[in-house]
């Protein structure tokens, strides 16, 4: 299969850039700078430190987000955000691994997890610019993410502790039958052969496995896993 260039959209100017070009763009986006300057006009505006994070699917780098996260945000809050935006299907367990230390929501609650620390720790206590870490959701059918702190800067304090400042556009995956853009996964076919199971709207109609085996093709590294159907429309950041 020909490797595709992953692209995404800037939240501020709505321009499209390649994955490699997005980090450079966000550092010089005129619309982003203008919005920051406009917010600073009122006197006595409160400021805070924020991290620029990039999060992507481990071994699925076509799925990625650039986030601006208040440095005082806890790992638990970031976990909640990642679940709601990209991952949540059945309330599975999750964990961050930072510098060889594991952080989980219910640290020490399970006998096999007694070495973990609690996620109720601010990002600026465990992360620094240039540092990387990993994240796992669901320890059975695991979805792994890779995170990197690009930079730290002073920003206007906002109601939202975490904001998406850029995100990949939905990758085009060909239908395994006809080659047209796929819109669904067949979970049975994926179970039988993890390299098969992508279907377009037309081929879905005659697929033999049945409608109950189908899940939508969504913009997430969790797509096609454990019946994941995408972000809850009621979940807004």
C-alpha atoms as a PDB file:
ATOM      1  CA  UNK A   1       0.000   0.000   0.000  1.00  0.00           C
ATOM      2  CA  UNK A   2       1.344   3.450  -0.912  1.00  0.00           C
ATOM      3  CA  UNK A   3       2.216   5.471   2.150  1.00  0.00           C
ATOM      4  CA  UNK A   4       0.015   8.553   2.472  1.00  0.00           C
ATOM      5  CA  UNK A   5       1.074  11.944   3.797  1.00  0.00           C
ATOM      6  CA  UNK A   6      -0.816  12.618   7.019  1.00  0.00           C
ATOM      7  CA  UNK A   7      -2.461  16.043   7.068  1.00  0.00           C
ATOM      8  CA  UNK A   8      -4.400  18.046   9.613  1.00  0.00           C
ATOM      9  CA  UNK A   9      -6.090  21.368  10.257  1.00  0.00           C
ATOM     10  CA  UNK A  10      -5.020  24.300  12.439  1.00  0.00           C
ATOM     11  CA  UNK A  11      -7.790  25.273  14.871  1.00  0.00           C
ATOM     12  CA  UNK A  12      -6.948  28.981  14.611  1.00  0.00           C
ATOM     13  CA  UNK A  13      -6.654  29.707  10.870  1.00  0.00           C
ATOM     14  CA  UNK A  14      -8.281  26.498   9.554  1.00  0.00           C
ATOM     15  CA  UNK A  15      -5.394  25.963   7.140  1.00  0.00           C
ATOM     16  CA  UNK A  16      -4.283  22.435   6.282  1.00  0.00           C
ATOM     17  CA  UNK A  17      -0.697  21.314   6.792  1.00  0.00           C
ATOM     18  CA  UNK A  18       1.244  18.080   6.731  1.00  0.00           C
ATOM     19  CA  UNK A  19       1.930  16.402  10.047  1.00  0.00           C
ATOM     20  CA  UNK A  20       5.579  17.455   9.938  1.00  0.00           C
ATOM     21  CA  UNK A  21       4.679  21.026   9.006  1.00  0.00           C
ATOM     22  CA  UNK A  22       2.012  21.585  11.656  1.00  0.00           C
ATOM     23  CA  UNK A  23       4.436  22.056  14.556  1.00  0.00           C
ATOM     24  CA  UNK A  24       6.311  24.754  12.632  1.00  0.00           C
ATOM     25  CA  UNK A  25       3.070  26.435  11.604  1.00  0.00           C
ATOM     26  CA  UNK A  26       1.677  26.625  15.136  1.00  0.00           C
ATOM     27  CA  UNK A  27       4.804  28.451  16.245  1.00  0.00           C
ATOM     28  CA  UNK A  28       4.182  31.216  13.702  1.00  0.00           C
ATOM     29  CA  UNK A  29       0.413  31.151  13.050  1.00  0.00           C
ATOM     30  CA  UNK A  30      -0.660  34.793  12.662  1.00  0.00           C
ATOM     31  CA  UNK A  31      -4.254  34.079  13.649  1.00  0.00           C
ATOM     32  CA  UNK A  32      -3.131  32.352  16.833  1.00  0.00           C
ATOM     33  CA  UNK A  33      -0.878  35.294  17.715  1.00  0.00           C
ATOM     34  CA  UNK A  34      -3.681  37.775  16.975  1.00  0.00           C
ATOM     35  CA  UNK A  35      -6.127  35.921  19.222  1.00  0.00           C
ATOM     36  CA  UNK A  36      -3.555  35.854  22.013  1.00  0.00           C
ATOM     37  CA  UNK A  37      -2.883  39.595  21.641  1.00  0.00           C
ATOM     38  CA  UNK A  38      -6.597  40.419  21.623  1.00  0.00           C
ATOM     39  CA  UNK A  39      -7.139  38.438  24.806  1.00  0.00           C
ATOM     40  CA  UNK A  40      -4.358  40.392  26.534  1.00  0.00           C
ATOM     41  CA  UNK A  41      -5.984  43.802  25.946  1.00  0.00           C
ATOM     42  CA  UNK A  42      -8.047  43.867  29.195  1.00  0.00           C
ATOM     43  CA  UNK A  43      -6.051  44.997  32.213  1.00  0.00           C
ATOM     44  CA  UNK A  44      -5.150  42.594  35.007  1.00  0.00           C
ATOM     45  CA  UNK A  45      -5.592  39.598  32.752  1.00  0.00           C
ATOM     46  CA  UNK A  46      -4.599  36.387  34.499  1.00  0.00           C
ATOM     47  CA  UNK A  47      -1.864  34.326  32.898  1.00  0.00           C
ATOM     48  CA  UNK A  48      -0.663  30.783  33.363  1.00  0.00           C
ATOM     49  CA  UNK A  49       1.944  28.415  31.961  1.00  0.00           C
ATOM     50  CA  UNK A  50       0.916  25.913  29.327  1.00  0.00           C
ATOM     51  CA  UNK A  51       2.528  22.974  27.562  1.00  0.00           C
ATOM     52  CA  UNK A  52       2.305  22.362  23.830  1.00  0.00           C
ATOM     53  CA  UNK A  53       1.800  18.599  23.615  1.00  0.00           C
ATOM     54  CA  UNK A  54       1.712  16.349  20.582  1.00  0.00           C
ATOM     55  CA  UNK A  55      -0.085  13.041  21.045  1.00  0.00           C
ATOM     56  CA  UNK A  56      -0.245  10.353  18.369  1.00  0.00           C
ATOM     57  CA  UNK A  57      -1.151   6.719  17.962  1.00  0.00           C
ATOM     58  CA  UNK A  58       1.789   4.426  18.683  1.00  0.00           C
ATOM     59  CA  UNK A  59       2.462   2.612  15.385  1.00  0.00           C
ATOM     60  CA  UNK A  60      -0.528   4.573  14.037  1.00  0.00           C
ATOM     61  CA  UNK A  61       1.128   7.990  13.547  1.00  0.00           C
ATOM     62  CA  UNK A  62      -1.501   9.098  11.022  1.00  0.00           C
ATOM     63  CA  UNK A  63      -3.715   9.875  14.041  1.00  0.00           C
ATOM     64  CA  UNK A  64      -2.432  12.885  15.956  1.00  0.00           C
ATOM     65  CA  UNK A  65      -3.412  15.975  17.939  1.00  0.00           C
ATOM     66  CA  UNK A  66      -1.619  19.113  19.045  1.00  0.00           C
ATOM     67  CA  UNK A  67      -2.840  20.199  22.471  1.00  0.00           C
ATOM     68  CA  UNK A  68      -2.341  23.292  24.601  1.00  0.00           C
ATOM     69  CA  UNK A  69      -2.526  22.105  28.199  1.00  0.00           C
ATOM     70  CA  UNK A  70      -2.313  24.159  31.368  1.00  0.00           C
ATOM     71  CA  UNK A  71       0.866  23.101  33.160  1.00  0.00           C
ATOM     72  CA  UNK A  72      -1.113  22.545  36.364  1.00  0.00           C
ATOM     73  CA  UNK A  73      -3.448  20.056  34.693  1.00  0.00           C
ATOM     74  CA  UNK A  74      -3.246  16.624  36.303  1.00  0.00           C
ATOM     75  CA  UNK A  75      -2.499  13.404  34.479  1.00  0.00           C
ATOM     76  CA  UNK A  76      -5.982  12.283  35.541  1.00  0.00           C
ATOM     77  CA  UNK A  77      -7.530  15.221  33.665  1.00  0.00           C
ATOM     78  CA  UNK A  78      -5.441  14.454  30.577  1.00  0.00           C
ATOM     79  CA  UNK A  79      -6.510  10.808  30.847  1.00  0.00           C
ATOM     80  CA  UNK A  80     -10.161  11.919  30.970  1.00  0.00           C
ATOM     81  CA  UNK A  81      -9.641  14.107  27.903  1.00  0.00           C
ATOM     82  CA  UNK A  82      -7.955  11.359  25.871  1.00  0.00           C
ATOM     83  CA  UNK A  83     -10.718   8.925  26.761  1.00  0.00           C
ATOM     84  CA  UNK A  84     -13.498  11.313  25.792  1.00  0.00           C
ATOM     85  CA  UNK A  85     -11.878  12.526  22.589  1.00  0.00           C
ATOM     86  CA  UNK A  86     -10.247   9.389  21.205  1.00  0.00           C
ATOM     87  CA  UNK A  87     -10.692   6.199  23.210  1.00  0.00           C
ATOM     88  CA  UNK A  88     -13.565   5.513  25.593  1.00  0.00           C
ATOM     89  CA  UNK A  89     -15.627   2.449  24.781  1.00  0.00           C
ATOM     90  CA  UNK A  90     -16.161   0.308  27.879  1.00  0.00           C
ATOM     91  CA  UNK A  91     -14.522   2.072  30.837  1.00  0.00           C
ATOM     92  CA  UNK A  92     -11.235   0.172  30.574  1.00  0.00           C
ATOM     93  CA  UNK A  93      -8.220   0.849  32.791  1.00  0.00           C
ATOM     94  CA  UNK A  94      -5.421   3.130  31.590  1.00  0.00           C
ATOM     95  CA  UNK A  95      -1.943   4.299  32.551  1.00  0.00           C
ATOM     96  CA  UNK A  96       0.825   6.756  31.680  1.00  0.00           C
ATOM     97  CA  UNK A  97       4.489   5.732  31.763  1.00  0.00           C
ATOM     98  CA  UNK A  98       6.862   8.658  32.322  1.00  0.00           C
ATOM     99  CA  UNK A  99      10.579   8.202  32.871  1.00  0.00           C
ATOM    100  CA  UNK A 100      10.041   4.558  33.745  1.00  0.00           C
ATOM    101  CA  UNK A 101       7.359   5.387  36.336  1.00  0.00           C
ATOM    102  CA  UNK A 102       3.812   4.158  35.807  1.00  0.00           C
ATOM    103  CA  UNK A 103       0.829   6.365  36.755  1.00  0.00           C
ATOM    104  CA  UNK A 104      -2.691   4.924  36.934  1.00  0.00           C
ATOM    105  CA  UNK A 105      -6.068   6.190  38.159  1.00  0.00           C
ATOM    106  CA  UNK A 106      -6.502   3.509  40.804  1.00  0.00           C
ATOM    107  CA  UNK A 107      -2.871   3.041  41.805  1.00  0.00           C
ATOM    108  CA  UNK A 108      -2.385   0.367  44.494  1.00  0.00           C
ATOM    109  CA  UNK A 109      -6.046  -0.703  44.234  1.00  0.00           C
ATOM    110  CA  UNK A 110      -5.104  -3.847  42.313  1.00  0.00           C
ATOM    111  CA  UNK A 111      -2.534  -6.339  43.572  1.00  0.00           C
ATOM    112  CA  UNK A 112      -0.787  -6.458  40.203  1.00  0.00           C
ATOM    113  CA  UNK A 113      -0.508  -2.635  40.078  1.00  0.00           C
ATOM    114  CA  UNK A 114       1.066  -1.842  43.443  1.00  0.00           C
ATOM    115  CA  UNK A 115       4.145  -0.210  41.888  1.00  0.00           C
ATOM    116  CA  UNK A 116       2.106   2.475  40.109  1.00  0.00           C
ATOM    117  CA  UNK A 117       1.698   6.050  41.296  1.00  0.00           C
ATOM    118  CA  UNK A 118      -1.564   7.974  41.232  1.00  0.00           C
ATOM    119  CA  UNK A 119      -2.540  10.118  38.235  1.00  0.00           C
ATOM    120  CA  UNK A 120      -3.525  12.983  40.520  1.00  0.00           C
ATOM    121  CA  UNK A 121      -0.250  14.775  39.827  1.00  0.00           C
ATOM    122  CA  UNK A 122       0.217  18.012  37.816  1.00  0.00           C
ATOM    123  CA  UNK A 123       1.944  17.743  34.448  1.00  0.00           C
ATOM    124  CA  UNK A 124       4.622  20.263  35.418  1.00  0.00           C
ATOM    125  CA  UNK A 125       5.725  17.967  38.246  1.00  0.00           C
ATOM    126  CA  UNK A 126       6.511  15.074  35.904  1.00  0.00           C
ATOM    127  CA  UNK A 127       7.071  16.561  32.423  1.00  0.00           C
ATOM    128  CA  UNK A 128       9.406  19.107  30.834  1.00  0.00           C
ATOM    129  CA  UNK A 129       9.820  20.510  27.294  1.00  0.00           C
ATOM    130  CA  UNK A 130      11.404  17.923  25.015  1.00  0.00           C
ATOM    131  CA  UNK A 131      10.315  14.997  27.164  1.00  0.00           C
ATOM    132  CA  UNK A 132       8.327  12.039  25.843  1.00  0.00           C
ATOM    133  CA  UNK A 133       6.038   9.546  27.538  1.00  0.00           C
ATOM    134  CA  UNK A 134       3.556   6.811  26.674  1.00  0.00           C
ATOM    135  CA  UNK A 135      -0.080   6.058  27.469  1.00  0.00           C
ATOM    136  CA  UNK A 136      -2.127   2.859  27.354  1.00  0.00           C
ATOM    137  CA  UNK A 137      -5.891   2.450  27.293  1.00  0.00           C
ATOM    138  CA  UNK A 138      -7.363  -1.031  27.832  1.00  0.00           C
ATOM    139  CA  UNK A 139      -4.860  -3.665  28.925  1.00  0.00           C
ATOM    140  CA  UNK A 140      -6.577  -6.348  26.830  1.00  0.00           C
ATOM    141  CA  UNK A 141      -7.118  -4.861  23.363  1.00  0.00           C
ATOM    142  CA  UNK A 142      -4.652  -2.086  24.089  1.00  0.00           C
ATOM    143  CA  UNK A 143      -4.522   1.246  22.294  1.00  0.00           C
ATOM    144  CA  UNK A 144      -1.134   2.883  22.869  1.00  0.00           C
ATOM    145  CA  UNK A 145      -0.336   6.562  22.449  1.00  0.00           C
ATOM    146  CA  UNK A 146       2.975   8.432  22.301  1.00  0.00           C
ATOM    147  CA  UNK A 147       3.167  11.941  23.776  1.00  0.00           C
ATOM    148  CA  UNK A 148       5.820  14.638  23.516  1.00  0.00           C
ATOM    149  CA  UNK A 149       6.136  18.053  25.163  1.00  0.00           C
ATOM    150  CA  UNK A 150       7.099  20.423  22.342  1.00  0.00           C
ATOM    151  CA  UNK A 151       7.396  23.617  24.374  1.00  0.00           C
ATOM    152  CA  UNK A 152       6.158  25.621  27.338  1.00  0.00           C
ATOM    153  CA  UNK A 153       4.870  29.202  27.202  1.00  0.00           C
ATOM    154  CA  UNK A 154       2.871  31.786  29.115  1.00  0.00           C
ATOM    155  CA  UNK A 155      -0.754  32.078  27.994  1.00  0.00           C
ATOM    156  CA  UNK A 156      -3.976  33.751  29.052  1.00  0.00           C
ATOM    157  CA  UNK A 157      -5.729  31.636  31.685  1.00  0.00           C
ATOM    158  CA  UNK A 158      -8.782  29.975  30.146  1.00  0.00           C
ATOM    159  CA  UNK A 159     -11.776  28.016  31.372  1.00  0.00           C
ATOM    160  CA  UNK A 160     -10.590  24.992  29.406  1.00  0.00           C
ATOM    161  CA  UNK A 161      -7.473  23.371  30.810  1.00  0.00           C
ATOM    162  CA  UNK A 162      -6.954  21.415  27.577  1.00  0.00           C
ATOM    163  CA  UNK A 163      -7.540  22.694  24.046  1.00  0.00           C
ATOM    164  CA  UNK A 164      -7.058  21.007  20.688  1.00  0.00           C
ATOM    165  CA  UNK A 165      -5.024  23.431  18.577  1.00  0.00           C
ATOM    166  CA  UNK A 166      -4.588  21.108  15.583  1.00  0.00           C
ATOM    167  CA  UNK A 167      -5.745  17.644  14.625  1.00  0.00           C
ATOM    168  CA  UNK A 168      -5.270  15.218  11.761  1.00  0.00           C
ATOM    169  CA  UNK A 169      -7.951  14.878   9.132  1.00  0.00           C
ATOM    170  CA  UNK A 170      -9.502  11.431   8.719  1.00  0.00           C
ATOM    171  CA  UNK A 171      -7.025   9.231   6.808  1.00  0.00           C
ATOM    172  CA  UNK A 172      -8.277   7.699   3.572  1.00  0.00           C
ATOM    173  CA  UNK A 173      -8.299   3.922   3.988  1.00  0.00           C
ATOM    174  CA  UNK A 174      -9.178   1.873   0.876  1.00  0.00           C
ATOM    175  CA  UNK A 175     -11.959  -0.692   0.871  1.00  0.00           C
ATOM    176  CA  UNK A 176     -10.467  -4.194   0.892  1.00  0.00           C
ATOM    177  CA  UNK A 177     -12.952  -5.283  -1.769  1.00  0.00           C
ATOM    178  CA  UNK A 178     -13.033  -2.487  -4.359  1.00  0.00           C
ATOM    179  CA  UNK A 179     -10.448   0.108  -3.328  1.00  0.00           C
ATOM    180  CA  UNK A 180     -12.883   2.985  -2.771  1.00  0.00           C
ATOM    181  CA  UNK A 181     -12.632   4.996   0.493  1.00  0.00           C
ATOM    182  CA  UNK A 182     -13.691   2.742   3.369  1.00  0.00           C
ATOM    183  CA  UNK A 183     -16.360   3.891   5.816  1.00  0.00           C
ATOM    184  CA  UNK A 184     -16.691   0.835   8.071  1.00  0.00           C
ATOM    185  CA  UNK A 185     -14.731  -1.920   9.766  1.00  0.00           C
ATOM    186  CA  UNK A 186     -15.971  -5.493   9.976  1.00  0.00           C
ATOM    187  CA  UNK A 187     -14.955  -6.666  13.444  1.00  0.00           C
ATOM    188  CA  UNK A 188     -15.248 -10.332  12.490  1.00  0.00           C
ATOM    189  CA  UNK A 189     -12.914  -9.912   9.510  1.00  0.00           C
ATOM    190  CA  UNK A 190     -10.453  -7.915  11.632  1.00  0.00           C
ATOM    191  CA  UNK A 191     -10.495 -10.692  14.225  1.00  0.00           C
ATOM    192  CA  UNK A 192      -9.780 -13.312  11.558  1.00  0.00           C
ATOM    193  CA  UNK A 193      -7.100 -11.209   9.823  1.00  0.00           C
ATOM    194  CA  UNK A 194      -6.007  -7.873  11.315  1.00  0.00           C
ATOM    195  CA  UNK A 195      -5.021  -6.628   7.847  1.00  0.00           C
ATOM    196  CA  UNK A 196      -8.534  -7.128   6.448  1.00  0.00           C
ATOM    197  CA  UNK A 197     -11.961  -5.750   7.289  1.00  0.00           C
ATOM    198  CA  UNK A 198     -12.230  -2.265   5.722  1.00  0.00           C
ATOM    199  CA  UNK A 199     -15.377  -1.722   3.649  1.00  0.00           C
ATOM    200  CA  UNK A 200     -16.948   1.122   1.650  1.00  0.00           C
ATOM    201  CA  UNK A 201     -20.662   2.038   1.736  1.00  0.00           C
ATOM    202  CA  UNK A 202     -21.470  -0.129  -1.281  1.00  0.00           C
ATOM    203  CA  UNK A 203     -19.549  -3.234  -0.232  1.00  0.00           C
ATOM    204  CA  UNK A 204     -21.030  -3.049   3.275  1.00  0.00           C
ATOM    205  CA  UNK A 205     -24.477  -3.713   1.772  1.00  0.00           C
ATOM    206  CA  UNK A 206     -23.485  -7.152   0.501  1.00  0.00           C
ATOM    207  CA  UNK A 207     -20.931  -8.121   3.154  1.00  0.00           C
ATOM    208  CA  UNK A 208     -21.659 -11.588   4.497  1.00  0.00           C
ATOM    209  CA  UNK A 209     -20.686 -11.091   8.162  1.00  0.00           C
ATOM    210  CA  UNK A 210     -23.790  -9.080   9.038  1.00  0.00           C
ATOM    211  CA  UNK A 211     -24.575  -5.552  10.181  1.00  0.00           C
ATOM    212  CA  UNK A 212     -23.957  -6.355  13.853  1.00  0.00           C
ATOM    213  CA  UNK A 213     -20.258  -6.876  13.051  1.00  0.00           C
ATOM    214  CA  UNK A 214     -19.801  -3.366  11.603  1.00  0.00           C
ATOM    215  CA  UNK A 215     -18.348  -0.274  13.270  1.00  0.00           C
ATOM    216  CA  UNK A 216     -17.807   3.124  11.627  1.00  0.00           C
ATOM    217  CA  UNK A 217     -14.449   4.322  10.347  1.00  0.00           C
ATOM    218  CA  UNK A 218     -13.685   7.131  12.822  1.00  0.00           C
ATOM    219  CA  UNK A 219     -10.799   9.557  13.291  1.00  0.00           C
ATOM    220  CA  UNK A 220      -9.113   7.788  16.195  1.00  0.00           C
ATOM    221  CA  UNK A 221      -6.329   5.247  16.811  1.00  0.00           C
ATOM    222  CA  UNK A 222      -9.030   3.212  18.597  1.00  0.00           C
ATOM    223  CA  UNK A 223     -10.956   2.772  15.334  1.00  0.00           C
ATOM    224  CA  UNK A 224     -11.909  -0.844  14.736  1.00  0.00           C
ATOM    225  CA  UNK A 225     -11.072  -1.942  18.294  1.00  0.00           C
ATOM    226  CA  UNK A 226     -13.576  -3.219  20.878  1.00  0.00           C
ATOM    227  CA  UNK A 227     -16.546  -1.810  18.978  1.00  0.00           C
ATOM    228  CA  UNK A 228     -15.362   1.800  19.345  1.00  0.00           C
ATOM    229  CA  UNK A 229     -17.743   4.103  17.461  1.00  0.00           C
ATOM    230  CA  UNK A 230     -16.143   7.514  17.962  1.00  0.00           C
ATOM    231  CA  UNK A 231     -16.325  10.498  20.252  1.00  0.00           C
ATOM    232  CA  UNK A 232     -19.571  10.997  22.157  1.00  0.00           C
ATOM    233  CA  UNK A 233     -21.303  14.049  20.556  1.00  0.00           C
ATOM    234  CA  UNK A 234     -22.180  15.263  24.052  1.00  0.00           C
ATOM    235  CA  UNK A 235     -18.503  15.291  25.037  1.00  0.00           C
ATOM    236  CA  UNK A 236     -17.195  18.814  24.399  1.00  0.00           C
ATOM    237  CA  UNK A 237     -13.886  20.409  25.379  1.00  0.00           C
END
